[in-house]
Each structure stands twice: as structure tokens, then as C-alpha cells.
């Protein structure tokens, strides 16, 4: 239930679902994610990676975010 709730919140925030358990956003959102994870008590189960590239799907993601 918490996983679905978290996934829903990420989609609401505008995240792009790269895989079922991998979401990307080209904007800084560490603080907001921290609050959500704390509220849902899932801090131990969520990892955040800050990357310069998402590999082969970069063009697709840029098109999605219109950047």
C-alpha cells in the first residue's frame, strides 16, 4: 500500500517512470522527497541518485519534459 501511495505521489509531482521502480525528474527535489519518505515511513527503502545522464533513454525523457 505504501509503495503504491509513494508511486502515486511521484507521478503527481511530475516524475517520469523509467522502470516500475525507477522514476526520474530533471529538477532538484531532495527536500520534497525527504518529507514524503518520512511521512510514509519508507526512508530505509528509497534511494535517490543524482545523475548527469540516464543513458539510452535520455532523448525520450527530454521529450517527455519538453527540455
N, C-alpha and C. Protein backbone atom coordinates (compact mmCIF):
# COMPACT_ATOMS: atom_id res chain seq x y z
N UNK A 1 0.84 -1.20 0.00
CA UNK A 1 0.00 0.00 0.00
C UNK A 1 0.88 1.25 0.00
N UNK A 2 1.93 1.26 0.81
CA UNK A 2 2.82 2.42 0.86
C UNK A 2 3.54 2.61 -0.46
N UNK A 3 3.92 1.52 -1.10
CA UNK A 3 4.60 1.59 -2.40
C UNK A 3 3.70 2.25 -3.43
N UNK A 4 2.46 1.85 -3.48
CA UNK A 4 1.52 2.45 -4.43
C UNK A 4 1.26 3.91 -4.11
N UNK A 5 1.16 4.24 -2.85
CA UNK A 5 0.97 5.62 -2.42
C UNK A 5 2.17 6.47 -2.83
N UNK A 6 3.37 5.95 -2.61
CA UNK A 6 4.59 6.66 -2.98
C UNK A 6 4.65 6.85 -4.50
N UNK A 7 4.36 5.81 -5.24
CA UNK A 7 4.37 5.87 -6.70
C UNK A 7 3.36 6.93 -7.18
N UNK A 8 2.20 6.97 -6.59
CA UNK A 8 1.18 7.96 -6.95
C UNK A 8 1.68 9.38 -6.69
N UNK A 9 2.33 9.59 -5.55
CA UNK A 9 2.86 10.91 -5.22
C UNK A 9 3.94 11.34 -6.20
N UNK A 10 4.80 10.40 -6.61
CA UNK A 10 5.84 10.73 -7.58
C UNK A 10 5.23 11.13 -8.93
N UNK A 11 4.23 10.39 -9.36
CA UNK A 11 3.57 10.73 -10.62
C UNK A 11 2.88 12.09 -10.52
N UNK A 12 2.28 12.36 -9.38
CA UNK A 12 1.62 13.66 -9.15
C UNK A 12 2.64 14.80 -9.22
N UNK A 13 3.85 14.55 -8.72
CA UNK A 13 4.91 15.56 -8.74
C UNK A 13 5.51 15.73 -10.14
N UNK A 14 5.13 14.87 -11.07
CA UNK A 14 5.61 15.01 -12.44
C UNK A 14 6.76 14.10 -12.81
N UNK A 15 7.09 13.15 -11.97
CA UNK A 15 8.18 12.23 -12.27
C UNK A 15 7.83 11.38 -13.50
N UNK A 16 8.86 10.97 -14.22
CA UNK A 16 8.73 10.07 -15.35
C UNK A 16 9.11 8.67 -14.89
N UNK A 17 8.27 7.69 -15.16
CA UNK A 17 8.56 6.33 -14.73
C UNK A 17 9.46 5.67 -15.78
N UNK A 18 10.73 5.54 -15.44
CA UNK A 18 11.72 4.92 -16.32
C UNK A 18 11.57 3.41 -16.31
N UNK A 19 11.33 2.86 -15.14
CA UNK A 19 11.01 1.45 -14.93
C UNK A 19 9.98 1.42 -13.81
N UNK A 20 9.45 0.26 -13.50
CA UNK A 20 8.40 0.20 -12.48
C UNK A 20 8.86 0.75 -11.13
N UNK A 21 10.14 0.61 -10.82
CA UNK A 21 10.63 1.11 -9.54
C UNK A 21 11.70 2.20 -9.70
N UNK A 22 11.79 2.78 -10.90
CA UNK A 22 12.77 3.85 -11.14
C UNK A 22 12.05 5.04 -11.75
N UNK A 23 12.11 6.16 -11.06
CA UNK A 23 11.47 7.38 -11.52
C UNK A 23 12.53 8.46 -11.68
N UNK A 24 12.35 9.33 -12.67
CA UNK A 24 13.32 10.41 -12.90
C UNK A 24 12.60 11.75 -12.98
N UNK A 25 13.34 12.77 -12.59
CA UNK A 25 12.87 14.15 -12.66
C UNK A 25 14.09 15.02 -12.92
N UNK A 26 14.06 15.90 -13.90
CA UNK A 26 15.24 16.70 -14.22
C UNK A 26 15.41 17.93 -13.33
N UNK A 27 14.74 17.96 -12.21
CA UNK A 27 14.80 19.11 -11.31
C UNK A 27 15.18 18.63 -9.90
N UNK A 28 15.72 19.52 -9.13
CA UNK A 28 16.10 19.21 -7.76
C UNK A 28 14.85 19.02 -6.90
N UNK A 29 14.81 17.93 -6.14
CA UNK A 29 13.62 17.66 -5.32
C UNK A 29 13.96 16.86 -4.07
N UNK A 30 15.21 16.91 -3.64
CA UNK A 30 15.65 16.12 -2.49
C UNK A 30 14.83 16.41 -1.24
N UNK A 31 14.59 17.66 -1.00
CA UNK A 31 13.87 18.04 0.22
C UNK A 31 12.44 17.51 0.21
N UNK A 32 11.76 17.68 -0.92
CA UNK A 32 10.38 17.21 -1.04
C UNK A 32 10.30 15.69 -0.88
N UNK A 33 11.22 14.98 -1.53
CA UNK A 33 11.23 13.52 -1.41
C UNK A 33 11.51 13.09 0.03
N UNK A 34 12.38 13.82 0.69
CA UNK A 34 12.67 13.53 2.09
C UNK A 34 11.42 13.62 2.95
N UNK A 35 10.62 14.65 2.73
CA UNK A 35 9.37 14.81 3.50
C UNK A 35 8.39 13.68 3.21
N UNK A 36 8.26 13.34 1.94
CA UNK A 36 7.33 12.27 1.56
C UNK A 36 7.76 10.94 2.18
N UNK A 37 9.05 10.62 2.05
CA UNK A 37 9.55 9.36 2.61
C UNK A 37 9.39 9.31 4.13
N UNK A 38 9.64 10.43 4.76
CA UNK A 38 9.48 10.50 6.22
C UNK A 38 8.02 10.31 6.61
N UNK A 39 7.13 10.98 5.88
CA UNK A 39 5.70 10.89 6.17
C UNK A 39 5.19 9.45 5.99
N UNK A 40 5.66 8.77 4.94
CA UNK A 40 5.23 7.40 4.68
C UNK A 40 6.04 6.36 5.46
N UNK A 41 7.09 6.83 6.13
CA UNK A 41 7.99 5.96 6.90
C UNK A 41 8.62 4.89 6.01
N UNK A 42 9.18 5.36 4.88
CA UNK A 42 9.81 4.44 3.94
C UNK A 42 11.26 4.84 3.64
N UNK A 43 11.84 5.67 4.48
CA UNK A 43 13.20 6.16 4.27
C UNK A 43 14.20 5.04 3.99
N UNK A 44 14.07 3.93 4.70
CA UNK A 44 15.02 2.83 4.55
C UNK A 44 14.86 2.08 3.23
N UNK A 45 13.81 2.36 2.49
CA UNK A 45 13.52 1.62 1.28
C UNK A 45 13.64 2.44 0.00
N UNK A 46 14.01 3.71 0.13
CA UNK A 46 14.10 4.59 -1.03
C UNK A 46 15.53 5.10 -1.18
N UNK A 47 16.05 4.98 -2.39
CA UNK A 47 17.37 5.51 -2.72
C UNK A 47 17.20 6.61 -3.76
N UNK A 48 17.96 7.67 -3.59
CA UNK A 48 17.94 8.76 -4.53
C UNK A 48 19.32 8.86 -5.18
N UNK A 49 19.33 8.90 -6.49
CA UNK A 49 20.58 9.02 -7.24
C UNK A 49 20.51 10.30 -8.05
N UNK A 50 21.54 11.11 -7.94
CA UNK A 50 21.62 12.33 -8.73
C UNK A 50 22.61 12.05 -9.86
N UNK A 51 22.12 12.09 -11.10
CA UNK A 51 22.92 11.69 -12.25
C UNK A 51 22.94 12.78 -13.32
N UNK A 52 23.98 12.76 -14.11
CA UNK A 52 24.09 13.69 -15.24
C UNK A 52 23.41 13.13 -16.49
N UNK A 53 23.25 11.83 -16.55
CA UNK A 53 22.68 11.19 -17.72
C UNK A 53 21.85 9.98 -17.30
N UNK A 54 20.85 9.66 -18.12
CA UNK A 54 20.05 8.46 -17.87
C UNK A 54 20.30 7.43 -18.96
N UNK A 55 21.33 7.64 -19.72
CA UNK A 55 21.72 6.66 -20.73
C UNK A 55 20.90 6.74 -22.00
N UNK A 56 20.54 5.57 -22.53
CA UNK A 56 19.89 5.48 -23.83
C UNK A 56 18.52 6.13 -23.89
N UNK A 57 17.89 6.31 -22.78
CA UNK A 57 16.53 6.87 -22.76
C UNK A 57 16.52 8.40 -22.62
N UNK A 58 17.68 9.01 -22.68
CA UNK A 58 17.77 10.45 -22.44
C UNK A 58 16.90 11.26 -23.41
N UNK A 59 16.92 10.93 -24.69
CA UNK A 59 16.11 11.67 -25.67
C UNK A 59 14.62 11.53 -25.36
N UNK A 60 14.20 10.34 -24.99
CA UNK A 60 12.80 10.08 -24.65
C UNK A 60 12.37 10.91 -23.44
N UNK A 61 13.25 10.98 -22.45
CA UNK A 61 12.94 11.72 -21.22
C UNK A 61 12.92 13.22 -21.49
N UNK A 62 13.87 13.70 -22.28
CA UNK A 62 13.88 15.13 -22.64
C UNK A 62 12.61 15.51 -23.39
N UNK A 63 12.15 14.63 -24.25
CA UNK A 63 10.91 14.89 -24.99
C UNK A 63 9.72 14.93 -24.01
N UNK A 64 9.69 14.03 -23.05
CA UNK A 64 8.62 13.99 -22.06
C UNK A 64 8.56 15.29 -21.27
N UNK A 65 9.73 15.79 -20.86
CA UNK A 65 9.79 17.01 -20.06
C UNK A 65 9.87 18.29 -20.90
N UNK A 66 9.89 18.12 -22.21
CA UNK A 66 9.96 19.26 -23.15
C UNK A 66 11.17 20.14 -22.86
N UNK A 67 12.32 19.47 -22.72
CA UNK A 67 13.56 20.23 -22.49
C UNK A 67 14.58 19.91 -23.56
